[in-house]
Amino acid sequence: LQGRILLTNDAGDYLWLEPEDFGDFIAGSLAQESPIH
């Protein structure tokens, strides 16, 4: 949505991510030390 990614889950949580961060998250390459992780 509007150049950002909205994630939602069944628990009712949501989070907005930048496309690059979302790609890293899906690929499993997001650094575990990062605040996004």
PDB file of all heavy atoms in Angstrom:
ATOM      1  N   LEU A   1       0.845  -1.185   0.000  1.00  0.00           N
ATOM      2  CA  LEU A   1       0.000   0.000   0.000  1.00  0.00           C
ATOM      3  C   LEU A   1       0.881   1.235   0.000  1.00  0.00           C
ATOM      4  O   LEU A   1       1.690   1.423   0.909  1.00  0.00           O
ATOM      5  CB  LEU A   1      -0.907   0.029   1.232  1.00  0.00           C
ATOM      6  CG  LEU A   1      -1.936  -1.081   1.351  1.00  0.00           C
ATOM      7  CD1 LEU A   1      -2.567  -1.067   2.735  1.00  0.00           C
ATOM      8  CD2 LEU A   1      -2.998  -0.931   0.289  1.00  0.00           C
ATOM      9  N   GLN A   2       0.748   2.053  -1.017  1.00  0.00           N
ATOM     10  CA  GLN A   2       1.473   3.318  -1.135  1.00  0.00           C
ATOM     11  C   GLN A   2       2.972   3.145  -0.949  1.00  0.00           C
ATOM     12  O   GLN A   2       3.636   3.905  -0.251  1.00  0.00           O
ATOM     13  CB  GLN A   2       0.912   4.334  -0.147  1.00  0.00           C
ATOM     14  CG  GLN A   2      -0.540   4.642  -0.399  1.00  0.00           C
ATOM     15  CD  GLN A   2      -1.124   5.605   0.608  1.00  0.00           C
ATOM     16  OE1 GLN A   2      -0.488   5.972   1.587  1.00  0.00           O
ATOM     17  NE2 GLN A   2      -2.347   6.022   0.361  1.00  0.00           N
ATOM     18  N   GLY A   3       3.526   2.117  -1.554  1.00  0.00           N
ATOM     19  CA  GLY A   3       4.966   1.921  -1.543  1.00  0.00           C
ATOM     20  C   GLY A   3       5.527   1.263  -0.293  1.00  0.00           C
ATOM     21  O   GLY A   3       6.728   1.072  -0.182  1.00  0.00           O
ATOM     22  N   ARG A   4       4.671   0.899   0.654  1.00  0.00           N
ATOM     23  CA  ARG A   4       5.114   0.199   1.865  1.00  0.00           C
ATOM     24  C   ARG A   4       4.354  -1.115   1.970  1.00  0.00           C
ATOM     25  O   ARG A   4       3.350  -1.313   1.305  1.00  0.00           O
ATOM     26  CB  ARG A   4       4.860   1.064   3.108  1.00  0.00           C
ATOM     27  CG  ARG A   4       5.691   2.348   3.062  1.00  0.00           C
ATOM     28  CD  ARG A   4       5.465   3.207   4.272  1.00  0.00           C
ATOM     29  NE  ARG A   4       6.117   2.577   5.422  1.00  0.00           N
ATOM     30  CZ  ARG A   4       5.762   2.824   6.674  1.00  0.00           C
ATOM     31  NH1 ARG A   4       4.783   3.653   6.951  1.00  0.00           N
ATOM     32  NH2 ARG A   4       6.387   2.241   7.666  1.00  0.00           N
ATOM     33  N   ILE A   5       4.817  -1.986   2.846  1.00  0.00           N
ATOM     34  CA  ILE A   5       4.211  -3.297   3.002  1.00  0.00           C
ATOM     35  C   ILE A   5       3.535  -3.372   4.367  1.00  0.00           C
ATOM     36  O   ILE A   5       4.165  -3.113   5.393  1.00  0.00           O
ATOM     37  CB  ILE A   5       5.261  -4.428   2.901  1.00  0.00           C
ATOM     38  CG1 ILE A   5       6.095  -4.291   1.637  1.00  0.00           C
ATOM     39  CG2 ILE A   5       4.600  -5.794   2.994  1.00  0.00           C
ATOM     40  CD1 ILE A   5       5.313  -4.406   0.356  1.00  0.00           C
ATOM     41  N   LEU A   6       2.258  -3.744   4.365  1.00  0.00           N
ATOM     42  CA  LEU A   6       1.517  -3.950   5.603  1.00  0.00           C
ATOM     43  C   LEU A   6       1.458  -5.446   5.874  1.00  0.00           C
ATOM     44  O   LEU A   6       0.975  -6.218   5.044  1.00  0.00           O
ATOM     45  CB  LEU A   6       0.095  -3.391   5.489  1.00  0.00           C
ATOM     46  CG  LEU A   6      -0.830  -3.682   6.662  1.00  0.00           C
ATOM     47  CD1 LEU A   6      -0.316  -3.027   7.938  1.00  0.00           C
ATOM     48  CD2 LEU A   6      -2.249  -3.243   6.351  1.00  0.00           C
ATOM     49  N   LEU A   7       1.970  -5.863   7.029  1.00  0.00           N
ATOM     50  CA  LEU A   7       1.891  -7.252   7.475  1.00  0.00           C
ATOM     51  C   LEU A   7       0.824  -7.349   8.555  1.00  0.00           C
ATOM     52  O   LEU A   7       0.770  -6.501   9.449  1.00  0.00           O
ATOM     53  CB  LEU A   7       3.214  -7.721   8.086  1.00  0.00           C
ATOM     54  CG  LEU A   7       4.463  -7.709   7.233  1.00  0.00           C
ATOM     55  CD1 LEU A   7       5.650  -8.161   8.068  1.00  0.00           C
ATOM     56  CD2 LEU A   7       4.295  -8.604   6.054  1.00  0.00           C
ATOM     57  N   THR A   8      -0.007  -8.385   8.496  1.00  0.00           N
ATOM     58  CA  THR A   8      -0.979  -8.653   9.547  1.00  0.00           C
ATOM     59  C   THR A   8      -0.942 -10.137   9.873  1.00  0.00           C
ATOM     60  O   THR A   8      -0.534 -10.956   9.043  1.00  0.00           O
ATOM     61  CB  THR A   8      -2.411  -8.268   9.128  1.00  0.00           C
ATOM     62  OG1 THR A   8      -2.797  -9.033   7.991  1.00  0.00           O
ATOM     63  CG2 THR A   8      -2.518  -6.784   8.814  1.00  0.00           C
ATOM     64  N   ASN A   9      -1.381 -10.483  11.091  1.00  0.00           N
ATOM     65  CA  ASN A   9      -1.449 -11.895  11.455  1.00  0.00           C
ATOM     66  C   ASN A   9      -2.741 -12.173  12.208  1.00  0.00           C
ATOM     67  O   ASN A   9      -3.519 -11.262  12.498  1.00  0.00           O
ATOM     68  CB  ASN A   9      -0.214 -12.333  12.254  1.00  0.00           C
ATOM     69  CG  ASN A   9      -0.058 -11.616  13.570  1.00  0.00           C
ATOM     70  OD1 ASN A   9      -1.004 -11.063  14.114  1.00  0.00           O
ATOM     71  ND2 ASN A   9       1.152 -11.621  14.096  1.00  0.00           N
ATOM     72  N   ASP A  10      -2.978 -13.448  12.521  1.00  0.00           N
ATOM     73  CA  ASP A  10      -4.221 -13.856  13.160  1.00  0.00           C
ATOM     74  C   ASP A  10      -4.337 -13.381  14.597  1.00  0.00           C
ATOM     75  O   ASP A  10      -5.420 -13.386  15.162  1.00  0.00           O
ATOM     76  CB  ASP A  10      -4.371 -15.375  13.113  1.00  0.00           C
ATOM     77  CG  ASP A  10      -4.641 -15.878  11.713  1.00  0.00           C
ATOM     78  OD1 ASP A  10      -5.152 -15.096  10.890  1.00  0.00           O
ATOM     79  OD2 ASP A  10      -4.349 -17.059  11.436  1.00  0.00           O
ATOM     80  N   ALA A  11      -3.234 -12.991  15.208  1.00  0.00           N
ATOM     81  CA  ALA A  11      -3.277 -12.490  16.588  1.00  0.00           C
ATOM     82  C   ALA A  11      -3.747 -11.044  16.635  1.00  0.00           C
ATOM     83  O   ALA A  11      -3.949 -10.489  17.710  1.00  0.00           O
ATOM     84  CB  ALA A  11      -1.904 -12.615  17.239  1.00  0.00           C
ATOM     85  N   GLY A  12      -3.897 -10.404  15.479  1.00  0.00           N
ATOM     86  CA  GLY A  12      -4.327  -9.011  15.437  1.00  0.00           C
ATOM     87  C   GLY A  12      -3.180  -8.027  15.392  1.00  0.00           C
ATOM     88  O   GLY A  12      -3.385  -6.825  15.441  1.00  0.00           O
ATOM     89  N   ASP A  13      -1.951  -8.537  15.294  1.00  0.00           N
ATOM     90  CA  ASP A  13      -0.786  -7.658  15.219  1.00  0.00           C
ATOM     91  C   ASP A  13      -0.593  -7.182  13.777  1.00  0.00           C
ATOM     92  O   ASP A  13      -0.972  -7.874  12.833  1.00  0.00           O
ATOM     93  CB  ASP A  13       0.471  -8.397  15.674  1.00  0.00           C
ATOM     94  CG  ASP A  13       0.391  -8.828  17.119  1.00  0.00           C
ATOM     95  OD1 ASP A  13       0.031  -7.988  17.959  1.00  0.00           O
ATOM     96  OD2 ASP A  13       0.681  -9.999  17.408  1.00  0.00           O
ATOM     97  N   TYR A  14      -0.011  -6.017  13.625  1.00  0.00           N
ATOM     98  CA  TYR A  14       0.317  -5.506  12.289  1.00  0.00           C
ATOM     99  C   TYR A  14       1.632  -4.747  12.353  1.00  0.00           C
ATOM    100  O   TYR A  14       2.063  -4.312  13.414  1.00  0.00           O
ATOM    101  CB  TYR A  14      -0.803  -4.619  11.739  1.00  0.00           C
ATOM    102  CG  TYR A  14      -0.934  -3.296  12.439  1.00  0.00           C
ATOM    103  CD1 TYR A  14      -0.289  -2.167  11.947  1.00  0.00           C
ATOM    104  CD2 TYR A  14      -1.684  -3.178  13.595  1.00  0.00           C
ATOM    105  CE1 TYR A  14      -0.398  -0.948  12.588  1.00  0.00           C
ATOM    106  CE2 TYR A  14      -1.803  -1.964  14.250  1.00  0.00           C
ATOM    107  CZ  TYR A  14      -1.164  -0.853  13.738  1.00  0.00           C
ATOM    108  OH  TYR A  14      -1.262   0.351  14.382  1.00  0.00           O
ATOM    109  N   LEU A  15       2.244  -4.595  11.191  1.00  0.00           N
ATOM    110  CA  LEU A  15       3.514  -3.891  11.113  1.00  0.00           C
ATOM    111  C   LEU A  15       3.700  -3.383   9.689  1.00  0.00           C
ATOM    112  O   LEU A  15       3.390  -4.089   8.721  1.00  0.00           O
ATOM    113  CB  LEU A  15       4.656  -4.851  11.487  1.00  0.00           C
ATOM    114  CG  LEU A  15       6.060  -4.269  11.573  1.00  0.00           C
ATOM    115  CD1 LEU A  15       6.148  -3.224  12.679  1.00  0.00           C
ATOM    116  CD2 LEU A  15       7.049  -5.379  11.844  1.00  0.00           C
ATOM    117  N   TRP A  16       4.181  -2.159   9.557  1.00  0.00           N
ATOM    118  CA  TRP A  16       4.519  -1.584   8.254  1.00  0.00           C
ATOM    119  C   TRP A  16       6.012  -1.777   8.020  1.00  0.00           C
ATOM    120  O   TRP A  16       6.814  -1.484   8.899  1.00  0.00           O
ATOM    121  CB  TRP A  16       4.193  -0.092   8.224  1.00  0.00           C
ATOM    122  CG  TRP A  16       2.729   0.202   8.195  1.00  0.00           C
ATOM    123  CD1 TRP A  16       1.926   0.473   9.260  1.00  0.00           C
ATOM    124  CD2 TRP A  16       1.904   0.270   7.035  1.00  0.00           C
ATOM    125  NE1 TRP A  16       0.650   0.699   8.833  1.00  0.00           N
ATOM    126  CE2 TRP A  16       0.607   0.588   7.472  1.00  0.00           C
ATOM    127  CE3 TRP A  16       2.133   0.088   5.667  1.00  0.00           C
ATOM    128  CZ2 TRP A  16      -0.461   0.726   6.590  1.00  0.00           C
ATOM    129  CZ3 TRP A  16       1.070   0.232   4.807  1.00  0.00           C
ATOM    130  CH2 TRP A  16      -0.206   0.546   5.253  1.00  0.00           C
ATOM    131  N   LEU A  17       6.374  -2.254   6.828  1.00  0.00           N
ATOM    132  CA  LEU A  17       7.780  -2.433   6.469  1.00  0.00           C
ATOM    133  C   LEU A  17       8.065  -1.767   5.136  1.00  0.00           C
ATOM    134  O   LEU A  17       7.189  -1.649   4.280  1.00  0.00           O
ATOM    135  CB  LEU A  17       8.121  -3.924   6.338  1.00  0.00           C
ATOM    136  CG  LEU A  17       8.113  -4.772   7.593  1.00  0.00           C
ATOM    137  CD1 LEU A  17       8.417  -6.214   7.243  1.00  0.00           C
ATOM    138  CD2 LEU A  17       9.101  -4.251   8.609  1.00  0.00           C
ATOM    139  N   GLU A  18       9.311  -1.370   4.972  1.00  0.00           N
ATOM    140  CA  GLU A  18       9.780  -0.910   3.673  1.00  0.00           C
ATOM    141  C   GLU A  18       9.963  -2.149   2.789  1.00  0.00           C
ATOM    142  O   GLU A  18      10.259  -3.235   3.303  1.00  0.00           O
ATOM    143  CB  GLU A  18      11.104  -0.157   3.810  1.00  0.00           C
ATOM    144  CG  GLU A  18      10.992   1.136   4.607  1.00  0.00           C
ATOM    145  CD  GLU A  18      10.012   2.125   3.987  1.00  0.00           C
ATOM    146  OE1 GLU A  18       9.940   2.213   2.742  1.00  0.00           O
ATOM    147  OE2 GLU A  18       9.307   2.798   4.752  1.00  0.00           O
ATOM    148  N   PRO A  19       9.801  -2.021   1.478  1.00  0.00           N
ATOM    149  CA  PRO A  19       9.923  -3.193   0.592  1.00  0.00           C
ATOM    150  C   PRO A  19      11.248  -3.939   0.734  1.00  0.00           C
ATOM    151  O   PRO A  19      11.267  -5.177   0.707  1.00  0.00           O
ATOM    152  CB  PRO A  19       9.768  -2.600  -0.809  1.00  0.00           C
ATOM    153  CG  PRO A  19       8.970  -1.356  -0.605  1.00  0.00           C
ATOM    154  CD  PRO A  19       9.382  -0.832   0.745  1.00  0.00           C
ATOM    155  N   GLU A  20      12.348  -3.214   0.927  1.00  0.00           N
ATOM    156  CA  GLU A  20      13.653  -3.880   1.069  1.00  0.00           C
ATOM    157  C   GLU A  20      13.695  -4.728   2.340  1.00  0.00           C
ATOM    158  O   GLU A  20      14.182  -5.858   2.335  1.00  0.00           O
ATOM    159  CB  GLU A  20      14.797  -2.856   1.108  1.00  0.00           C
ATOM    160  CG  GLU A  20      14.908  -1.980  -0.111  1.00  0.00           C
ATOM    161  CD  GLU A  20      13.902  -0.824  -0.113  1.00  0.00           C
ATOM    162  OE1 GLU A  20      13.462  -0.367   0.969  1.00  0.00           O
ATOM    163  OE2 GLU A  20      13.544  -0.387  -1.217  1.00  0.00           O
ATOM    164  N   ASP A  21      13.172  -4.180   3.440  1.00  0.00           N
ATOM    165  CA  ASP A  21      13.137  -4.924   4.702  1.00  0.00           C
ATOM    166  C   ASP A  21      12.215  -6.139   4.592  1.00  0.00           C
ATOM    167  O   ASP A  21      12.511  -7.203   5.128  1.00  0.00           O
ATOM    168  CB  ASP A  21      12.677  -4.029   5.853  1.00  0.00           C
ATOM    169  CG  ASP A  21      13.654  -2.903   6.138  1.00  0.00           C
ATOM    170  OD1 ASP A  21      14.872  -3.114   5.933  1.00  0.00           O
ATOM    171  OD2 ASP A  21      13.204  -1.825   6.568  1.00  0.00           O
ATOM    172  N   PHE A  22      11.109  -5.980   3.900  1.00  0.00           N
ATOM    173  CA  PHE A  22      10.183  -7.091   3.713  1.00  0.00           C
ATOM    174  C   PHE A  22      10.840  -8.208   2.906  1.00  0.00           C
ATOM    175  O   PHE A  22      10.713  -9.394   3.241  1.00  0.00           O
ATOM    176  CB  PHE A  22       8.905  -6.610   3.029  1.00  0.00           C
ATOM    177  CG  PHE A  22       7.895  -7.699   2.805  1.00  0.00           C
ATOM    178  CD1 PHE A  22       7.327  -8.371   3.875  1.00  0.00           C
ATOM    179  CD2 PHE A  22       7.511  -8.045   1.522  1.00  0.00           C
ATOM    180  CE1 PHE A  22       6.395  -9.374   3.671  1.00  0.00           C
ATOM    181  CE2 PHE A  22       6.584  -9.040   1.303  1.00  0.00           C
ATOM    182  CZ  PHE A  22       6.016  -9.699   2.387  1.00  0.00           C
ATOM    183  N   GLY A  23      11.560  -7.840   1.840  1.00  0.00           N
ATOM    184  CA  GLY A  23      12.275  -8.836   1.045  1.00  0.00           C
ATOM    185  C   GLY A  23      13.304  -9.585   1.875  1.00  0.00           C
ATOM    186  O   GLY A  23      13.421 -10.818   1.776  1.00  0.00           O
ATOM    187  N   ASP A  24      14.046  -8.862   2.712  1.00  0.00           N
ATOM    188  CA  ASP A  24      15.025  -9.505   3.600  1.00  0.00           C
ATOM    189  C   ASP A  24      14.335 -10.413   4.608  1.00  0.00           C
ATOM    190  O   ASP A  24      14.820 -11.504   4.911  1.00  0.00           O
ATOM    191  CB  ASP A  24      15.852  -8.447   4.348  1.00  0.00           C
ATOM    192  CG  ASP A  24      16.777  -7.666   3.433  1.00  0.00           C
ATOM    193  OD1 ASP A  24      17.029  -8.144   2.295  1.00  0.00           O
ATOM    194  OD2 ASP A  24      17.250  -6.590   3.845  1.00  0.00           O
ATOM    195  N   PHE A  25      13.196  -9.982   5.134  1.00  0.00           N
ATOM    196  CA  PHE A  25      12.433 -10.773   6.092  1.00  0.00           C
ATOM    197  C   PHE A  25      11.971 -12.092   5.468  1.00  0.00           C
ATOM    198  O   PHE A  25      12.158 -13.163   6.043  1.00  0.00           O
ATOM    199  CB  PHE A  25      11.237  -9.947   6.580  1.00  0.00           C
ATOM    200  CG  PHE A  25      10.211 -10.710   7.352  1.00  0.00           C
ATOM    201  CD1 PHE A  25      10.536 -11.364   8.528  1.00  0.00           C
ATOM    202  CD2 PHE A  25       8.897 -10.762   6.918  1.00  0.00           C
ATOM    203  CE1 PHE A  25       9.579 -12.064   9.257  1.00  0.00           C
ATOM    204  CE2 PHE A  25       7.932 -11.447   7.633  1.00  0.00           C
ATOM    205  CZ  PHE A  25       8.281 -12.101   8.804  1.00  0.00           C
ATOM    206  N   ILE A  26      11.421 -12.024   4.275  1.00  0.00           N
ATOM    207  CA  ILE A  26      10.942 -13.220   3.579  1.00  0.00           C
ATOM    208  C   ILE A  26      12.097 -14.148   3.241  1.00  0.00           C
ATOM    209  O   ILE A  26      11.996 -15.372   3.384  1.00  0.00           O
ATOM    210  CB  ILE A  26      10.180 -12.831   2.288  1.00  0.00           C
ATOM    211  CG1 ILE A  26       8.918 -12.062   2.624  1.00  0.00           C
ATOM    212  CG2 ILE A  26       9.858 -14.046   1.445  1.00  0.00           C
ATOM    213  CD1 ILE A  26       7.901 -12.842   3.402  1.00  0.00           C
ATOM    214  N   ALA A  27      13.196 -13.576   2.790  1.00  0.00           N
ATOM    215  CA  ALA A  27      14.351 -14.382   2.382  1.00  0.00           C
ATOM    216  C   ALA A  27      15.107 -14.953   3.577  1.00  0.00           C
ATOM    217  O   ALA A  27      15.963 -15.818   3.419  1.00  0.00           O
ATOM    218  CB  ALA A  27      15.297 -13.536   1.523  1.00  0.00           C
ATOM    219  N   GLY A  28      14.818 -14.458   4.778  1.00  0.00           N
ATOM    220  CA  GLY A  28      15.519 -14.929   5.971  1.00  0.00           C
ATOM    221  C   GLY A  28      16.875 -14.278   6.158  1.00  0.00           C
ATOM    222  O   GLY A  28      17.697 -14.767   6.915  1.00  0.00           O
ATOM    223  N   SER A  29      17.112 -13.157   5.476  1.00  0.00           N
ATOM    224  CA  SER A  29      18.420 -12.501   5.571  1.00  0.00           C
ATOM    225  C   SER A  29      18.379 -11.226   6.405  1.00  0.00           C
ATOM    226  O   SER A  29      19.335 -10.454   6.383  1.00  0.00           O
ATOM    227  CB  SER A  29      18.945 -12.198   4.163  1.00  0.00           C
ATOM    228  OG  SER A  29      18.052 -11.342   3.480  1.00  0.00           O
ATOM    229  N   LEU A  30      17.308 -10.999   7.143  1.00  0.00           N
ATOM    230  CA  LEU A  30      17.216  -9.833   8.014  1.00  0.00           C
ATOM    231  C   LEU A  30      18.078 -10.079   9.245  1.00  0.00           C
ATOM    232  O   LEU A  30      17.978 -11.113   9.891  1.00  0.00           O
ATOM    233  CB  LEU A  30      15.755  -9.620   8.431  1.00  0.00           C
ATOM    234  CG  LEU A  30      15.405  -8.320   9.114  1.00  0.00           C
ATOM    235  CD1 LEU A  30      15.642  -7.130   8.185  1.00  0.00           C
ATOM    236  CD2 LEU A  30      13.953  -8.341   9.552  1.00  0.00           C
ATOM    237  N   ALA A  31      18.964  -9.143   9.548  1.00  0.00           N
ATOM    238  CA  ALA A  31      19.895  -9.303  10.677  1.00  0.00           C
ATOM    239  C   ALA A  31      19.129  -9.423  11.986  1.00  0.00           C
ATOM    240  O   ALA A  31      18.226  -8.636  12.262  1.00  0.00           O
ATOM    241  CB  ALA A  31      20.847  -8.114  10.734  1.00  0.00           C
ATOM    242  N   GLN A  32      19.484 -10.411  12.796  1.00  0.00           N
ATOM    243  CA  GLN A  32      18.794 -10.641  14.069  1.00  0.00           C
ATOM    244  C   GLN A  32      19.021  -9.510  15.062  1.00  0.00           C
ATOM    245  O   GLN A  32      18.243  -9.340  15.991  1.00  0.00           O
ATOM    246  CB  GLN A  32      19.226 -11.968  14.672  1.00  0.00           C
ATOM    247  CG  GLN A  32      18.709 -13.148  13.908  1.00  0.00           C
ATOM    248  CD  GLN A  32      18.947 -14.458  14.633  1.00  0.00           C
ATOM    249  OE1 GLN A  32      19.458 -14.481  15.742  1.00  0.00           O
ATOM    250  NE2 GLN A  32      18.586 -15.547  13.983  1.00  0.00           N
ATOM    251  N   GLU A  33      20.065  -8.723  14.862  1.00  0.00           N
ATOM    252  CA  GLU A  33      20.345  -7.608  15.756  1.00  0.00           C
ATOM    253  C   GLU A  33      19.540  -6.360  15.390  1.00  0.00           C
ATOM    254  O   GLU A  33      19.547  -5.381  16.131  1.00  0.00           O
ATOM    255  CB  GLU A  33      21.834  -7.237  15.733  1.00  0.00           C
ATOM    256  CG  GLU A  33      22.782  -8.387  16.005  1.00  0.00           C
ATOM    257  CD  GLU A  33      23.050  -9.237  14.769  1.00  0.00           C
ATOM    258  OE1 GLU A  33      23.079  -8.694  13.653  1.00  0.00           O
ATOM    259  OE2 GLU A  33      23.207 -10.449  14.934  1.00  0.00           O
ATOM    260  N   SER A  34      18.895  -6.373  14.242  1.00  0.00           N
ATOM    261  CA  SER A  34      18.209  -5.162  13.785  1.00  0.00           C
ATOM    262  C   SER A  34      16.939  -4.914  14.595  1.00  0.00           C
ATOM    263  O   SER A  34      16.288  -5.846  15.068  1.00  0.00           O
ATOM    264  CB  SER A  34      17.859  -5.275  12.301  1.00  0.00           C
ATOM    265  OG  SER A  34      16.790  -6.169  12.118  1.00  0.00           O
ATOM    266  N   PRO A  35      16.576  -3.641  14.758  1.00  0.00           N
ATOM    267  CA  PRO A  35      15.337  -3.316  15.481  1.00  0.00           C
ATOM    268  C   PRO A  35      14.099  -3.853  14.769  1.00  0.00           C
ATOM    269  O   PRO A  35      13.117  -4.188  15.416  1.00  0.00           O
ATOM    270  CB  PRO A  35      15.323  -1.794  15.535  1.00  0.00           C
ATOM    271  CG  PRO A  35      16.500  -1.304  14.791  1.00  0.00           C
ATOM    272  CD  PRO A  35      17.323  -2.468  14.363  1.00  0.00           C
ATOM    273  N   ILE A  36      14.157  -3.978  13.455  1.00  0.00           N
ATOM    274  CA  ILE A  36      13.015  -4.505  12.703  1.00  0.00           C
ATOM    275  C   ILE A  36      12.799  -5.976  13.048  1.00  0.00           C
ATOM    276  O   ILE A  36      11.665  -6.420  13.243  1.00  0.00           O
ATOM    277  CB  ILE A  36      13.226  -4.311  11.185  1.00  0.00           C
ATOM    278  CG1 ILE A  36      13.247  -2.825  10.867  1.00  0.00           C
ATOM    279  CG2 ILE A  36      12.158  -5.031  10.383  1.00  0.00           C
ATOM    280  CD1 ILE A  36      13.696  -2.485   9.475  1.00  0.00           C
ATOM    281  N   HIS A  37      13.890  -6.738  13.140  1.00  0.00           N
ATOM    282  CA  HIS A  37      13.787  -8.149  13.518  1.00  0.00           C
ATOM    283  C   HIS A  37      13.170  -8.281  14.908  1.00  0.00           C
ATOM    284  O   HIS A  37      12.300  -9.124  15.137  1.00  0.00           O
ATOM    285  CB  HIS A  37      15.159  -8.820  13.473  1.00  0.00           C
ATOM    286  CG  HIS A  37      15.116 -10.286  13.730  1.00  0.00           C
ATOM    287  ND1 HIS A  37      15.095 -10.816  14.992  1.00  0.00           N
ATOM    288  CD2 HIS A  37      15.067 -11.339  12.866  1.00  0.00           C
ATOM    289  CE1 HIS A  37      15.044 -12.129  14.914  1.00  0.00           C
ATOM    290  NE2 HIS A  37      15.018 -12.464  13.633  1.00  0.00           N
TER     291      HIS A  37
END
